[in-house]
Amino acid sequence: MKEEIFGPILPVISYQTIEEAITLINSRDKPLAIYYFGSVWSSNLTRLEKETSSGALVTNESLF
């Protein structure tokens, strides 16, 4: 995943802890979007909002 993907492909990267996910996101170029699947009241979502930067942060949606 070195280049932007423009097509019907949604890369899925699994993680064990939210810290691992945040570290991975921040170690690379700013993503066009982060897709979060989980509770909208979760502290994980709040941490993603505050500790990462992306073009969009989408919650519980993949296509709209």
PDB file of N, CA and C in Angstrom:
ATOM      1  N   MET A   1       0.830  -1.177   0.000  1.00  0.00           N
ATOM      2  CA  MET A   1       0.000   0.000   0.000  1.00  0.00           C
ATOM      3  C   MET A   1       0.875   1.241   0.000  1.00  0.00           C
ATOM      4  N   LYS A   2       1.635   1.375  -1.039  1.00  0.00           N
ATOM      5  CA  LYS A   2       2.529   2.518  -1.164  1.00  0.00           C
ATOM      6  C   LYS A   2       1.898   3.658  -1.946  1.00  0.00           C
ATOM      7  N   GLU A   3       0.864   3.358  -2.755  1.00  0.00           N
ATOM      8  CA  GLU A   3       0.241   4.380  -3.585  1.00  0.00           C
ATOM      9  C   GLU A   3      -1.249   4.435  -3.293  1.00  0.00           C
ATOM     10  N   GLU A   4      -1.871   5.536  -3.701  1.00  0.00           N
ATOM     11  CA  GLU A   4      -3.308   5.673  -3.514  1.00  0.00           C
ATOM     12  C   GLU A   4      -4.045   4.652  -4.364  1.00  0.00           C
ATOM     13  N   ILE A   5      -5.161   4.180  -3.850  1.00  0.00           N
ATOM     14  CA  ILE A   5      -5.983   3.209  -4.562  1.00  0.00           C
ATOM     15  C   ILE A   5      -7.255   3.903  -5.021  1.00  0.00           C
ATOM     16  N   PHE A   6      -7.498   3.906  -6.315  1.00  0.00           N
ATOM     17  CA  PHE A   6      -8.730   4.464  -6.864  1.00  0.00           C
ATOM     18  C   PHE A   6      -9.453   3.332  -7.568  1.00  0.00           C
ATOM     19  N   GLY A   7     -10.375   2.719  -6.896  1.00  0.00           N
ATOM     20  CA  GLY A   7     -11.115   1.610  -7.464  1.00  0.00           C
ATOM     21  C   GLY A   7     -11.956   0.935  -6.405  1.00  0.00           C
ATOM     22  N   PRO A   8     -12.548  -0.194  -6.762  1.00  0.00           N
ATOM     23  CA  PRO A   8     -13.459  -0.876  -5.835  1.00  0.00           C
ATOM     24  C   PRO A   8     -12.734  -1.753  -4.809  1.00  0.00           C
ATOM     25  N   ILE A   9     -11.645  -1.275  -4.263  1.00  0.00           N
ATOM     26  CA  ILE A   9     -10.873  -2.042  -3.290  1.00  0.00           C
ATOM     27  C   ILE A   9     -10.829  -1.261  -1.975  1.00  0.00           C
ATOM     28  N   LEU A  10     -11.192  -1.929  -0.900  1.00  0.00           N
ATOM     29  CA  LEU A  10     -11.119  -1.332   0.434  1.00  0.00           C
ATOM     30  C   LEU A  10     -10.128  -2.153   1.249  1.00  0.00           C
ATOM     31  N   PRO A  11      -8.889  -1.665   1.425  1.00  0.00           N
ATOM     32  CA  PRO A  11      -7.925  -2.422   2.212  1.00  0.00           C
ATOM     33  C   PRO A  11      -8.353  -2.469   3.676  1.00  0.00           C
ATOM     34  N   VAL A  12      -8.255  -3.632   4.279  1.00  0.00           N
ATOM     35  CA  VAL A  12      -8.603  -3.815   5.684  1.00  0.00           C
ATOM     36  C   VAL A  12      -7.345  -4.211   6.431  1.00  0.00           C
ATOM     37  N   ILE A  13      -7.001  -3.444   7.454  1.00  0.00           N
ATOM     38  CA  ILE A  13      -5.829  -3.735   8.273  1.00  0.00           C
ATOM     39  C   ILE A  13      -6.324  -4.023   9.683  1.00  0.00           C
ATOM     40  N   SER A  14      -6.029  -5.208  10.164  1.00  0.00           N
ATOM     41  CA  SER A  14      -6.482  -5.564  11.511  1.00  0.00           C
ATOM     42  C   SER A  14      -5.442  -5.131  12.540  1.00  0.00           C
ATOM     43  N   TYR A  15      -5.893  -4.989  13.779  1.00  0.00           N
ATOM     44  CA  TYR A  15      -5.011  -4.588  14.874  1.00  0.00           C
ATOM     45  C   TYR A  15      -5.515  -5.199  16.167  1.00  0.00           C
ATOM     46  N   GLN A  16      -4.663  -5.276  17.168  1.00  0.00           N
ATOM     47  CA  GLN A  16      -5.037  -5.848  18.458  1.00  0.00           C
ATOM     48  C   GLN A  16      -5.456  -4.770  19.454  1.00  0.00           C
ATOM     49  N   THR A  17      -4.799  -3.606  19.416  1.00  0.00           N
ATOM     50  CA  THR A  17      -5.102  -2.520  20.338  1.00  0.00           C
ATOM     51  C   THR A  17      -5.268  -1.224  19.556  1.00  0.00           C
ATOM     52  N   ILE A  18      -5.982  -0.282  20.134  1.00  0.00           N
ATOM     53  CA  ILE A  18      -6.171   1.015  19.474  1.00  0.00           C
ATOM     54  C   ILE A  18      -4.837   1.751  19.348  1.00  0.00           C
ATOM     55  N   GLU A  19      -3.933   1.539  20.294  1.00  0.00           N
ATOM     56  CA  GLU A  19      -2.611   2.170  20.215  1.00  0.00           C
ATOM     57  C   GLU A  19      -1.863   1.693  18.974  1.00  0.00           C
ATOM     58  N   GLU A  20      -1.968   0.398  18.678  1.00  0.00           N
ATOM     59  CA  GLU A  20      -1.320  -0.173  17.499  1.00  0.00           C
ATOM     60  C   GLU A  20      -1.895   0.452  16.222  1.00  0.00           C
ATOM     61  N   ALA A  21      -3.207   0.624  16.178  1.00  0.00           N
ATOM     62  CA  ALA A  21      -3.846   1.228  15.004  1.00  0.00           C
ATOM     63  C   ALA A  21      -3.417   2.679  14.822  1.00  0.00           C
ATOM     64  N   ILE A  22      -3.400   3.440  15.896  1.00  0.00           N
ATOM     65  CA  ILE A  22      -3.016   4.854  15.824  1.00  0.00           C
ATOM     66  C   ILE A  22      -1.560   4.993  15.395  1.00  0.00           C
ATOM     67  N   THR A  23      -0.702   4.156  15.929  1.00  0.00           N
ATOM     68  CA  THR A  23       0.717   4.177  15.542  1.00  0.00           C
ATOM     69  C   THR A  23       0.876   3.876  14.060  1.00  0.00           C
ATOM     70  N   LEU A  24       0.151   2.882  13.557  1.00  0.00           N
ATOM     71  CA  LEU A  24       0.223   2.529  12.137  1.00  0.00           C
ATOM     72  C   LEU A  24      -0.261   3.683  11.260  1.00  0.00           C
ATOM     73  N   ILE A  25      -1.377   4.285  11.624  1.00  0.00           N
ATOM     74  CA  ILE A  25      -1.923   5.403  10.837  1.00  0.00           C
ATOM     75  C   ILE A  25      -0.944   6.575  10.816  1.00  0.00           C
ATOM     76  N   ASN A  26      -0.387   6.919  11.973  1.00  0.00           N
ATOM     77  CA  ASN A  26       0.503   8.078  12.061  1.00  0.00           C
ATOM     78  C   ASN A  26       1.890   7.822  11.474  1.00  0.00           C
ATOM     79  N   SER A  27       2.262   6.563  11.249  1.00  0.00           N
ATOM     80  CA  SER A  27       3.584   6.257  10.707  1.00  0.00           C
ATOM     81  C   SER A  27       3.628   6.369   9.184  1.00  0.00           C
ATOM     82  N   ARG A  28       2.486   6.534   8.566  1.00  0.00           N
ATOM     83  CA  ARG A  28       2.395   6.606   7.103  1.00  0.00           C
ATOM     84  C   ARG A  28       1.905   7.985   6.671  1.00  0.00           C
ATOM     85  N   ASP A  29       1.845   8.186   5.350  1.00  0.00           N
ATOM     86  CA  ASP A  29       1.277   9.421   4.829  1.00  0.00           C
ATOM     87  C   ASP A  29      -0.177   9.548   5.274  1.00  0.00           C
ATOM     88  N   LYS A  30      -0.671  10.766   5.313  1.00  0.00           N
ATOM     89  CA  LYS A  30      -2.050  11.026   5.730  1.00  0.00           C
ATOM     90  C   LYS A  30      -3.026  10.276   4.814  1.00  0.00           C
ATOM     91  N   PRO A  31      -3.874   9.416   5.383  1.00  0.00           N
ATOM     92  CA  PRO A  31      -4.807   8.663   4.538  1.00  0.00           C
ATOM     93  C   PRO A  31      -5.961   9.535   4.044  1.00  0.00           C
ATOM     94  N   LEU A  32      -6.531   9.147   2.908  1.00  0.00           N
ATOM     95  CA  LEU A  32      -7.693   9.858   2.390  1.00  0.00           C
ATOM     96  C   LEU A  32      -8.887   9.658   3.313  1.00  0.00           C
ATOM     97  N   ALA A  33      -8.992   8.470   3.920  1.00  0.00           N
ATOM     98  CA  ALA A  33     -10.110   8.194   4.828  1.00  0.00           C
ATOM     99  C   ALA A  33      -9.717   7.114   5.816  1.00  0.00           C
ATOM    100  N   ILE A  34     -10.331   7.182   6.997  1.00  0.00           N
ATOM    101  CA  ILE A  34     -10.233   6.123   8.002  1.00  0.00           C
ATOM    102  C   ILE A  34     -11.663   5.638   8.218  1.00  0.00           C
ATOM    103  N   TYR A  35     -11.865   4.335   8.096  1.00  0.00           N
ATOM    104  CA  TYR A  35     -13.178   3.737   8.296  1.00  0.00           C
ATOM    105  C   TYR A  35     -13.176   3.036   9.647  1.00  0.00           C
ATOM    106  N   TYR A  36     -13.975   3.527  10.571  1.00  0.00           N
ATOM    107  CA  TYR A  36     -14.071   2.952  11.911  1.00  0.00           C
ATOM    108  C   TYR A  36     -15.394   2.213  12.036  1.00  0.00           C
ATOM    109  N   PHE A  37     -15.337   0.964  12.494  1.00  0.00           N
ATOM    110  CA  PHE A  37     -16.536   0.171  12.732  1.00  0.00           C
ATOM    111  C   PHE A  37     -16.609  -0.160  14.205  1.00  0.00           C
ATOM    112  N   GLY A  38     -17.565   0.413  14.886  1.00  0.00           N
ATOM    113  CA  GLY A  38     -17.740   0.200  16.315  1.00  0.00           C
ATOM    114  C   GLY A  38     -18.733   1.193  16.865  1.00  0.00           C
ATOM    115  N   SER A  39     -18.840   1.234  18.168  1.00  0.00           N
ATOM    116  CA  SER A  39     -19.785   2.124  18.829  1.00  0.00           C
ATOM    117  C   SER A  39     -19.398   3.588  18.624  1.00  0.00           C
ATOM    118  N   VAL A  40     -20.386   4.412  18.329  1.00  0.00           N
ATOM    119  CA  VAL A  40     -20.117   5.841  18.164  1.00  0.00           C
ATOM    120  C   VAL A  40     -19.796   6.503  19.502  1.00  0.00           C
ATOM    121  N   TRP A  41     -20.071   5.826  20.600  1.00  0.00           N
ATOM    122  CA  TRP A  41     -19.773   6.357  21.935  1.00  0.00           C
ATOM    123  C   TRP A  41     -18.458   5.801  22.485  1.00  0.00           C
ATOM    124  N   SER A  42     -17.728   5.045  21.680  1.00  0.00           N
ATOM    125  CA  SER A  42     -16.495   4.388  22.119  1.00  0.00           C
ATOM    126  C   SER A  42     -15.353   5.381  22.314  1.00  0.00           C
ATOM    127  N   SER A  43     -14.535   5.118  23.307  1.00  0.00           N
ATOM    128  CA  SER A  43     -13.331   5.933  23.510  1.00  0.00           C
ATOM    129  C   SER A  43     -12.339   5.711  22.365  1.00  0.00           C
ATOM    130  N   ASN A  44     -12.425   4.555  21.686  1.00  0.00           N
ATOM    131  CA  ASN A  44     -11.553   4.308  20.532  1.00  0.00           C
ATOM    132  C   ASN A  44     -11.824   5.320  19.423  1.00  0.00           C
ATOM    133  N   LEU A  45     -13.088   5.601  19.151  1.00  0.00           N
ATOM    134  CA  LEU A  45     -13.435   6.583  18.124  1.00  0.00           C
ATOM    135  C   LEU A  45     -12.945   7.972  18.521  1.00  0.00           C
ATOM    136  N   THR A  46     -13.128   8.324  19.773  1.00  0.00           N
ATOM    137  CA  THR A  46     -12.657   9.619  20.268  1.00  0.00           C
ATOM    138  C   THR A  46     -11.149   9.742  20.102  1.00  0.00           C
ATOM    139  N   ARG A  47     -10.417   8.680  20.415  1.00  0.00           N
ATOM    140  CA  ARG A  47      -8.949   8.720  20.264  1.00  0.00           C
ATOM    141  C   ARG A  47      -8.561   8.851  18.801  1.00  0.00           C
ATOM    142  N   LEU A  48      -9.248   8.150  17.902  1.00  0.00           N
ATOM    143  CA  LEU A  48      -8.948   8.284  16.473  1.00  0.00           C
ATOM    144  C   LEU A  48      -9.161   9.718  16.009  1.00  0.00           C
ATOM    145  N   GLU A  49     -10.245  10.339  16.458  1.00  0.00           N
ATOM    146  CA  GLU A  49     -10.534  11.725  16.082  1.00  0.00           C
ATOM    147  C   GLU A  49      -9.446  12.680  16.563  1.00  0.00           C
ATOM    148  N   LYS A  50      -8.967  12.480  17.783  1.00  0.00           N
ATOM    149  CA  LYS A  50      -8.018  13.415  18.385  1.00  0.00           C
ATOM    150  C   LYS A  50      -6.557  13.139  18.031  1.00  0.00           C
ATOM    151  N   GLU A  51      -6.208  11.866  17.806  1.00  0.00           N
ATOM    152  CA  GLU A  51      -4.799  11.500  17.672  1.00  0.00           C
ATOM    153  C   GLU A  51      -4.359  11.181  16.253  1.00  0.00           C
ATOM    154  N   THR A  52      -5.279  11.234  15.272  1.00  0.00           N
ATOM    155  CA  THR A  52      -4.905  10.977  13.882  1.00  0.00           C
ATOM    156  C   THR A  52      -5.419  12.098  12.990  1.00  0.00           C
ATOM    157  N   SER A  53      -4.918  12.115  11.774  1.00  0.00           N
ATOM    158  CA  SER A  53      -5.366  13.087  10.790  1.00  0.00           C
ATOM    159  C   SER A  53      -5.600  12.357   9.474  1.00  0.00           C
ATOM    160  N   SER A  54      -6.766  12.613   8.865  1.00  0.00           N
ATOM    161  CA  SER A  54      -7.085  11.985   7.583  1.00  0.00           C
ATOM    162  C   SER A  54      -8.022  12.908   6.809  1.00  0.00           C
ATOM    163  N   GLY A  55      -8.237  12.576   5.552  1.00  0.00           N
ATOM    164  CA  GLY A  55      -9.170  13.355   4.750  1.00  0.00           C
ATOM    165  C   GLY A  55     -10.590  13.246   5.269  1.00  0.00           C
ATOM    166  N   ALA A  56     -10.938  12.068   5.788  1.00  0.00           N
ATOM    167  CA  ALA A  56     -12.267  11.846   6.357  1.00  0.00           C
ATOM    168  C   ALA A  56     -12.169  10.724   7.387  1.00  0.00           C
ATOM    169  N   LEU A  57     -12.987  10.818   8.410  1.00  0.00           N
ATOM    170  CA  LEU A  57     -13.127   9.744   9.392  1.00  0.00           C
ATOM    171  C   LEU A  57     -14.579   9.307   9.329  1.00  0.00           C
ATOM    172  N   VAL A  58     -14.805   8.093   8.851  1.00  0.00           N
ATOM    173  CA  VAL A  58     -16.149   7.579   8.607  1.00  0.00           C
ATOM    174  C   VAL A  58     -16.458   6.515   9.650  1.00  0.00           C
ATOM    175  N   THR A  59     -17.653   6.593  10.250  1.00  0.00           N
ATOM    176  CA  THR A  59     -18.042   5.645  11.289  1.00  0.00           C
ATOM    177  C   THR A  59     -19.159   4.743  10.800  1.00  0.00           C
ATOM    178  N   ASN A  60     -18.921   3.434  10.852  1.00  0.00           N
ATOM    179  CA  ASN A  60     -19.909   2.411  10.503  1.00  0.00           C
ATOM    180  C   ASN A  60     -20.499   2.556   9.114  1.00  0.00           C
ATOM    181  N   GLU A  61     -19.702   2.980   8.180  1.00  0.00           N
ATOM    182  CA  GLU A  61     -20.095   3.094   6.765  1.00  0.00           C
ATOM    183  C   GLU A  61     -18.912   2.679   5.911  1.00  0.00           C
ATOM    184  N   SER A  62     -19.200   2.023   4.798  1.00  0.00           N
ATOM    185  CA  SER A  62     -18.120   1.759   3.843  1.00  0.00           C
ATOM    186  C   SER A  62     -18.467   2.323   2.471  1.00  0.00           C
ATOM    187  N   LEU A  63     -19.757   2.388   2.174  1.00  0.00           N
ATOM    188  CA  LEU A  63     -20.204   2.959   0.890  1.00  0.00           C
ATOM    189  C   LEU A  63     -21.380   3.879   1.155  1.00  0.00           C
ATOM    190  N   PHE A  64     -21.271   5.092   0.700  1.00  0.00           N
ATOM    191  CA  PHE A  64     -22.413   6.006   0.797  1.00  0.00           C
ATOM    192  C   PHE A  64     -22.342   7.035  -0.297  1.00  0.00           C
TER     193      PHE A  64
END
